[in-house]
Every structure is written in structure tokens, then in C-alpha cells.
Amino acid sequence: MIHVDFPFNFDGRGRTAATPLEEHVRDLIELVLFTTPGERVNRPDFGSGLLQQVFEPNDPTMATTSSFLVQGELQRWLGDLIAVEGVEVSAEDSTLRVVVQYQIRRTREQRVATLTREV
């Protein structure tokens, strides 16, 4: 099965760039985490709201809340593709760092995605 690469781009032949399943799943995780609810017109509840958590005090409570938020939204939107095994969220200065441990359901392969975003 061919999966469209994210962000959308073209390959060397001028066609829509494709990506393997493992990279496609990682791209989907990034989309869920860094999309703010209300950002998508036809799916206003899509996203995690994680970027709003950055403005909360940087303490263990925020980290725990963010981890539960991320894990819940990943299970909601990608639960048929992945099994989330662990989430770690940290904010350092203006950088948000999220580490997601998951298993791809189709291949049973365990993966770790480390995602960062400047806020």
C-alpha cells in the first residue's frame, strides 16, 4: 500500500511523494500532536491541544496532564493503527519535546518517535 508523505511534496518524477508505513505512522502522530482543535474546518475536534499546554506552568503536573492528553488523543485518532505504550512530554525554554513509544498494530513493530516543536 502506498502512503502519501507528509508534508505533501513531489518525488523526483514529479509525482506525489510516497513513504513507507513506518514513516507514515510517525507523520500521523505528528499531525495529531501539533494540530490544535478547531484548526481543521471539516473536523473541528481533530488534534490534541498540546500546543496550548505550553503556556501552563512548567511543573510535574503540567507534564503529567500533557502526557495523558497526548496518549488519549493518539488512542482516539490512531488507535486502529498503533498501540501507545508510553508518552513523555517536556518543555524546555521555547521547545516542546514529546517522546511517544508505540507499536504498529499491522507489523507488531515497536517504535519510538521523538518530536520537537519551537513555540
N, C-alpha and C. Protein backbone atom coordinates (compact mmCIF):
# COMPACT_ATOMS: atom_id res chain seq x y z
N MET A 1 0.84 -1.18 0.00
CA MET A 1 0.00 0.00 0.00
C MET A 1 0.88 1.24 0.00
N ILE A 2 0.52 2.22 -0.78
CA ILE A 2 1.27 3.47 -0.89
C ILE A 2 0.68 4.50 0.07
N HIS A 3 1.57 5.19 0.79
CA HIS A 3 1.15 6.21 1.75
C HIS A 3 1.73 7.55 1.31
N VAL A 4 0.91 8.59 1.34
CA VAL A 4 1.34 9.92 0.94
C VAL A 4 2.26 10.49 2.02
N ASP A 5 3.39 11.06 1.58
CA ASP A 5 4.36 11.63 2.50
C ASP A 5 3.84 12.94 3.08
N PHE A 6 4.25 13.24 4.30
CA PHE A 6 3.90 14.49 4.96
C PHE A 6 5.18 15.19 5.36
N PRO A 7 5.34 16.47 5.15
CA PRO A 7 4.40 17.32 4.43
C PRO A 7 4.35 16.97 2.95
N PHE A 8 3.22 17.28 2.36
CA PHE A 8 2.99 16.94 0.96
C PHE A 8 4.10 17.51 0.09
N ASN A 9 4.64 16.68 -0.80
CA ASN A 9 5.66 17.12 -1.74
C ASN A 9 5.68 16.18 -2.93
N PHE A 10 6.56 16.45 -3.86
CA PHE A 10 6.66 15.65 -5.07
C PHE A 10 7.99 14.91 -5.09
N ASP A 11 7.98 13.72 -5.70
CA ASP A 11 9.21 12.96 -5.82
C ASP A 11 9.98 13.41 -7.05
N GLY A 12 11.08 12.76 -7.37
CA GLY A 12 11.93 13.13 -8.49
C GLY A 12 11.26 12.99 -9.85
N ARG A 13 10.20 12.22 -9.94
CA ARG A 13 9.48 12.04 -11.20
C ARG A 13 8.30 13.00 -11.35
N GLY A 14 8.10 13.87 -10.36
CA GLY A 14 7.01 14.83 -10.43
C GLY A 14 5.69 14.27 -9.93
N ARG A 15 5.72 13.12 -9.28
CA ARG A 15 4.52 12.50 -8.72
C ARG A 15 4.43 12.80 -7.23
N THR A 16 3.28 12.53 -6.66
CA THR A 16 3.12 12.69 -5.23
C THR A 16 4.09 11.77 -4.51
N ALA A 17 4.86 12.32 -3.58
CA ALA A 17 5.86 11.53 -2.85
C ALA A 17 5.18 10.52 -1.95
N ALA A 18 5.72 9.31 -1.94
CA ALA A 18 5.19 8.24 -1.10
C ALA A 18 6.18 7.95 0.03
N THR A 19 5.70 7.28 1.05
CA THR A 19 6.52 6.93 2.19
C THR A 19 6.13 5.55 2.70
N PRO A 20 7.05 4.82 3.34
CA PRO A 20 6.70 3.51 3.89
C PRO A 20 5.76 3.65 5.10
N LEU A 21 5.14 2.55 5.49
CA LEU A 21 4.17 2.54 6.58
C LEU A 21 4.74 3.14 7.86
N GLU A 22 5.95 2.78 8.24
CA GLU A 22 6.54 3.24 9.50
C GLU A 22 6.65 4.77 9.54
N GLU A 23 7.11 5.36 8.44
CA GLU A 23 7.22 6.82 8.38
C GLU A 23 5.85 7.48 8.30
N HIS A 24 4.92 6.84 7.61
CA HIS A 24 3.56 7.37 7.50
C HIS A 24 2.91 7.45 8.89
N VAL A 25 3.07 6.41 9.68
CA VAL A 25 2.50 6.40 11.03
C VAL A 25 3.13 7.50 11.88
N ARG A 26 4.44 7.67 11.77
CA ARG A 26 5.11 8.75 12.51
C ARG A 26 4.57 10.12 12.08
N ASP A 27 4.35 10.29 10.78
CA ASP A 27 3.77 11.54 10.27
C ASP A 27 2.38 11.77 10.85
N LEU A 28 1.58 10.71 10.95
CA LEU A 28 0.23 10.84 11.51
C LEU A 28 0.29 11.22 12.99
N ILE A 29 1.24 10.67 13.72
CA ILE A 29 1.41 11.03 15.13
C ILE A 29 1.73 12.51 15.25
N GLU A 30 2.62 12.99 14.40
CA GLU A 30 2.97 14.42 14.41
C GLU A 30 1.77 15.29 14.09
N LEU A 31 0.95 14.87 13.14
CA LEU A 31 -0.25 15.63 12.80
C LEU A 31 -1.21 15.73 13.98
N VAL A 32 -1.43 14.62 14.66
CA VAL A 32 -2.35 14.64 15.81
C VAL A 32 -1.80 15.53 16.92
N LEU A 33 -0.52 15.41 17.22
CA LEU A 33 0.06 16.15 18.34
C LEU A 33 0.08 17.65 18.12
N PHE A 34 0.44 18.08 16.93
CA PHE A 34 0.67 19.50 16.70
C PHE A 34 -0.46 20.21 15.96
N THR A 35 -1.62 19.57 15.87
CA THR A 35 -2.80 20.23 15.33
C THR A 35 -3.65 20.68 16.51
N THR A 36 -4.08 21.92 16.47
CA THR A 36 -4.91 22.48 17.53
C THR A 36 -6.38 22.22 17.19
N PRO A 37 -7.18 21.72 18.15
CA PRO A 37 -8.60 21.55 17.88
C PRO A 37 -9.22 22.86 17.36
N GLY A 38 -10.02 22.76 16.32
CA GLY A 38 -10.61 23.93 15.68
C GLY A 38 -9.83 24.39 14.47
N GLU A 39 -8.64 23.86 14.27
CA GLU A 39 -7.79 24.26 13.15
C GLU A 39 -8.28 23.69 11.83
N ARG A 40 -8.90 22.54 11.86
CA ARG A 40 -9.41 21.88 10.64
C ARG A 40 -10.88 22.18 10.48
N VAL A 41 -11.24 22.71 9.34
CA VAL A 41 -12.61 23.15 9.10
C VAL A 41 -13.61 21.99 9.16
N ASN A 42 -13.34 20.91 8.46
CA ASN A 42 -14.29 19.81 8.39
C ASN A 42 -14.16 18.80 9.53
N ARG A 43 -13.19 18.99 10.39
CA ARG A 43 -13.01 18.10 11.54
C ARG A 43 -12.53 18.95 12.72
N PRO A 44 -13.42 19.77 13.27
CA PRO A 44 -13.01 20.74 14.29
C PRO A 44 -12.52 20.13 15.60
N ASP A 45 -12.84 18.87 15.87
CA ASP A 45 -12.38 18.26 17.11
C ASP A 45 -11.06 17.50 16.95
N PHE A 46 -10.48 17.51 15.74
CA PHE A 46 -9.22 16.81 15.49
C PHE A 46 -8.06 17.58 16.13
N GLY A 47 -7.14 16.85 16.72
CA GLY A 47 -5.94 17.45 17.30
C GLY A 47 -5.86 17.17 18.78
N SER A 48 -4.75 17.58 19.38
CA SER A 48 -4.53 17.27 20.78
C SER A 48 -4.63 18.46 21.72
N GLY A 49 -4.43 19.66 21.23
CA GLY A 49 -4.41 20.82 22.12
C GLY A 49 -3.11 20.93 22.90
N LEU A 50 -2.13 20.16 22.51
CA LEU A 50 -0.85 20.13 23.22
C LEU A 50 -0.15 21.49 23.20
N LEU A 51 -0.25 22.19 22.10
CA LEU A 51 0.46 23.47 21.99
C LEU A 51 -0.07 24.51 22.97
N GLN A 52 -1.33 24.39 23.41
CA GLN A 52 -1.87 25.31 24.42
C GLN A 52 -1.30 24.99 25.80
N GLN A 53 -0.90 23.74 26.03
CA GLN A 53 -0.34 23.35 27.32
C GLN A 53 1.00 24.04 27.60
N VAL A 54 1.65 24.51 26.57
CA VAL A 54 2.95 25.15 26.73
C VAL A 54 2.84 26.40 27.59
N PHE A 55 1.68 27.03 27.59
CA PHE A 55 1.51 28.28 28.32
C PHE A 55 1.16 28.04 29.79
N GLU A 56 1.03 26.80 30.19
CA GLU A 56 0.80 26.46 31.59
C GLU A 56 2.15 26.44 32.31
N PRO A 57 2.13 26.53 33.65
CA PRO A 57 3.39 26.48 34.39
C PRO A 57 4.15 25.18 34.10
N ASN A 58 5.46 25.29 33.95
CA ASN A 58 6.29 24.13 33.63
C ASN A 58 6.62 23.39 34.93
N ASP A 59 5.75 22.45 35.29
CA ASP A 59 5.94 21.67 36.51
C ASP A 59 5.50 20.23 36.28
N PRO A 60 5.69 19.35 37.24
CA PRO A 60 5.30 17.95 37.06
C PRO A 60 3.82 17.75 36.74
N THR A 61 2.97 18.61 37.27
CA THR A 61 1.53 18.49 36.99
C THR A 61 1.26 18.73 35.52
N MET A 62 1.90 19.74 34.93
CA MET A 62 1.72 20.02 33.51
C MET A 62 2.23 18.86 32.67
N ALA A 63 3.37 18.31 33.05
CA ALA A 63 3.94 17.19 32.29
C ALA A 63 3.02 15.98 32.33
N THR A 64 2.47 15.68 33.50
CA THR A 64 1.56 14.54 33.63
C THR A 64 0.28 14.77 32.85
N THR A 65 -0.29 15.97 32.98
CA THR A 65 -1.51 16.31 32.24
C THR A 65 -1.28 16.21 30.73
N SER A 66 -0.17 16.73 30.27
CA SER A 66 0.14 16.69 28.84
C SER A 66 0.33 15.26 28.36
N SER A 67 0.98 14.44 29.16
CA SER A 67 1.19 13.04 28.77
C SER A 67 -0.13 12.30 28.63
N PHE A 68 -1.05 12.50 29.59
CA PHE A 68 -2.36 11.86 29.49
C PHE A 68 -3.15 12.39 28.30
N LEU A 69 -3.07 13.70 28.07
CA LEU A 69 -3.76 14.31 26.93
C LEU A 69 -3.27 13.71 25.62
N VAL A 70 -1.96 13.64 25.46
CA VAL A 70 -1.37 13.10 24.23
C VAL A 70 -1.75 11.64 24.05
N GLN A 71 -1.63 10.85 25.09
CA GLN A 71 -1.94 9.43 24.98
C GLN A 71 -3.41 9.21 24.62
N GLY A 72 -4.29 9.97 25.22
CA GLY A 72 -5.71 9.84 24.93
C GLY A 72 -6.06 10.21 23.49
N GLU A 73 -5.48 11.29 23.00
CA GLU A 73 -5.77 11.72 21.63
C GLU A 73 -5.16 10.77 20.60
N LEU A 74 -3.98 10.24 20.89
CA LEU A 74 -3.39 9.25 19.97
C LEU A 74 -4.25 7.99 19.91
N GLN A 75 -4.75 7.55 21.06
CA GLN A 75 -5.62 6.38 21.06
C GLN A 75 -6.93 6.67 20.33
N ARG A 76 -7.43 7.87 20.50
CA ARG A 76 -8.68 8.25 19.84
C ARG A 76 -8.55 8.27 18.32
N TRP A 77 -7.51 8.94 17.83
CA TRP A 77 -7.39 9.15 16.39
C TRP A 77 -6.61 8.06 15.67
N LEU A 78 -5.68 7.41 16.34
CA LEU A 78 -4.82 6.42 15.67
C LEU A 78 -4.89 5.05 16.32
N GLY A 79 -5.88 4.81 17.15
CA GLY A 79 -5.98 3.56 17.88
C GLY A 79 -6.08 2.33 17.01
N ASP A 80 -6.55 2.48 15.78
CA ASP A 80 -6.62 1.33 14.88
C ASP A 80 -5.28 1.04 14.21
N LEU A 81 -4.35 2.00 14.25
CA LEU A 81 -3.03 1.82 13.63
C LEU A 81 -1.93 1.51 14.63
N ILE A 82 -2.03 2.09 15.83
CA ILE A 82 -0.95 1.93 16.81
C ILE A 82 -1.50 1.61 18.19
N ALA A 83 -0.66 1.00 19.00
CA ALA A 83 -0.92 0.81 20.43
C ALA A 83 0.10 1.68 21.16
N VAL A 84 -0.36 2.70 21.85
CA VAL A 84 0.53 3.61 22.56
C VAL A 84 1.00 2.93 23.84
N GLU A 85 2.30 2.86 24.02
CA GLU A 85 2.88 2.20 25.19
C GLU A 85 3.41 3.19 26.21
N GLY A 86 3.72 4.40 25.79
CA GLY A 86 4.21 5.40 26.73
C GLY A 86 4.39 6.74 26.06
N VAL A 87 4.21 7.80 26.84
CA VAL A 87 4.35 9.17 26.34
C VAL A 87 5.10 9.98 27.39
N GLU A 88 6.06 10.76 26.93
CA GLU A 88 6.80 11.66 27.82
C GLU A 88 6.80 13.04 27.18
N VAL A 89 6.34 14.04 27.92
CA VAL A 89 6.27 15.41 27.41
C VAL A 89 7.15 16.29 28.29
N SER A 90 7.96 17.14 27.65
CA SER A 90 8.78 18.09 28.40
C SER A 90 8.86 19.39 27.63
N ALA A 91 8.92 20.48 28.39
CA ALA A 91 9.05 21.81 27.80
C ALA A 91 10.32 22.43 28.36
N GLU A 92 11.24 22.78 27.47
CA GLU A 92 12.50 23.41 27.86
C GLU A 92 12.63 24.70 27.09
N ASP A 93 12.62 25.81 27.82
CA ASP A 93 12.64 27.14 27.21
C ASP A 93 11.49 27.25 26.21
N SER A 94 11.80 27.43 24.93
CA SER A 94 10.75 27.58 23.94
C SER A 94 10.57 26.33 23.09
N THR A 95 11.08 25.19 23.56
CA THR A 95 11.00 23.95 22.80
C THR A 95 10.13 22.93 23.52
N LEU A 96 9.15 22.42 22.81
CA LEU A 96 8.30 21.36 23.32
C LEU A 96 8.83 20.04 22.76
N ARG A 97 9.07 19.06 23.63
CA ARG A 97 9.61 17.77 23.22
C ARG A 97 8.66 16.68 23.67
N VAL A 98 8.27 15.82 22.72
CA VAL A 98 7.36 14.72 23.02
C VAL A 98 8.00 13.42 22.53
N VAL A 99 8.08 12.44 23.42
CA VAL A 99 8.59 11.11 23.07
C VAL A 99 7.43 10.14 23.20
N VAL A 100 7.10 9.46 22.09
CA VAL A 100 5.98 8.51 22.07
C VAL A 100 6.54 7.13 21.77
N GLN A 101 6.26 6.18 22.66
CA GLN A 101 6.62 4.78 22.43
C GLN A 101 5.34 4.08 21.99
N TYR A 102 5.40 3.38 20.88
CA TYR A 102 4.20 2.76 20.34
C TYR A 102 4.55 1.49 19.57
N GLN A 103 3.52 0.73 19.28
CA GLN A 103 3.66 -0.47 18.47
C GLN A 103 2.72 -0.34 17.28
N ILE A 104 3.24 -0.57 16.09
CA ILE A 104 2.40 -0.56 14.89
C ILE A 104 1.62 -1.86 14.88
N ARG A 105 0.31 -1.76 14.88
CA ARG A 105 -0.53 -2.95 15.01
C ARG A 105 -0.35 -3.94 13.84
N ARG A 106 -0.22 -3.45 12.63
CA ARG A 106 -0.12 -4.33 11.46
C ARG A 106 1.14 -5.18 11.48
N THR A 107 2.27 -4.58 11.85
CA THR A 107 3.55 -5.29 11.80
C THR A 107 4.05 -5.75 13.17
N ARG A 108 3.40 -5.29 14.25
CA ARG A 108 3.83 -5.58 15.62
C ARG A 108 5.22 -5.03 15.94
N GLU A 109 5.66 -4.08 15.13
CA GLU A 109 6.97 -3.47 15.32
C GLU A 109 6.88 -2.35 16.36
N GLN A 110 7.81 -2.36 17.32
CA GLN A 110 7.83 -1.32 18.33
C GLN A 110 8.70 -0.17 17.85
N ARG A 111 8.22 1.03 18.05
CA ARG A 111 8.91 2.24 17.57
C ARG A 111 8.89 3.30 18.65
N VAL A 112 9.80 4.26 18.51
CA VAL A 112 9.83 5.44 19.37
C VAL A 112 9.91 6.66 18.45
N ALA A 113 9.00 7.59 18.66
CA ALA A 113 9.02 8.84 17.88
C ALA A 113 9.34 9.98 18.82
N THR A 114 10.38 10.74 18.49
CA THR A 114 10.74 11.92 19.26
C THR A 114 10.42 13.13 18.39
N LEU A 115 9.50 13.95 18.88
CA LEU A 115 9.03 15.10 18.12
C LEU A 115 9.31 16.37 18.91
N THR A 116 9.81 17.38 18.24
CA THR A 116 10.05 18.67 18.88
C THR A 116 9.39 19.77 18.08
N ARG A 117 9.04 20.82 18.79
CA ARG A 117 8.42 21.97 18.14
C ARG A 117 8.82 23.22 18.89
N GLU A 118 9.27 24.21 18.18
CA GLU A 118 9.56 25.52 18.75
C GLU A 118 8.24 26.26 18.92
N VAL A 119 8.02 26.81 20.10
CA VAL A 119 6.76 27.53 20.34
C VAL A 119 7.03 28.95 20.78
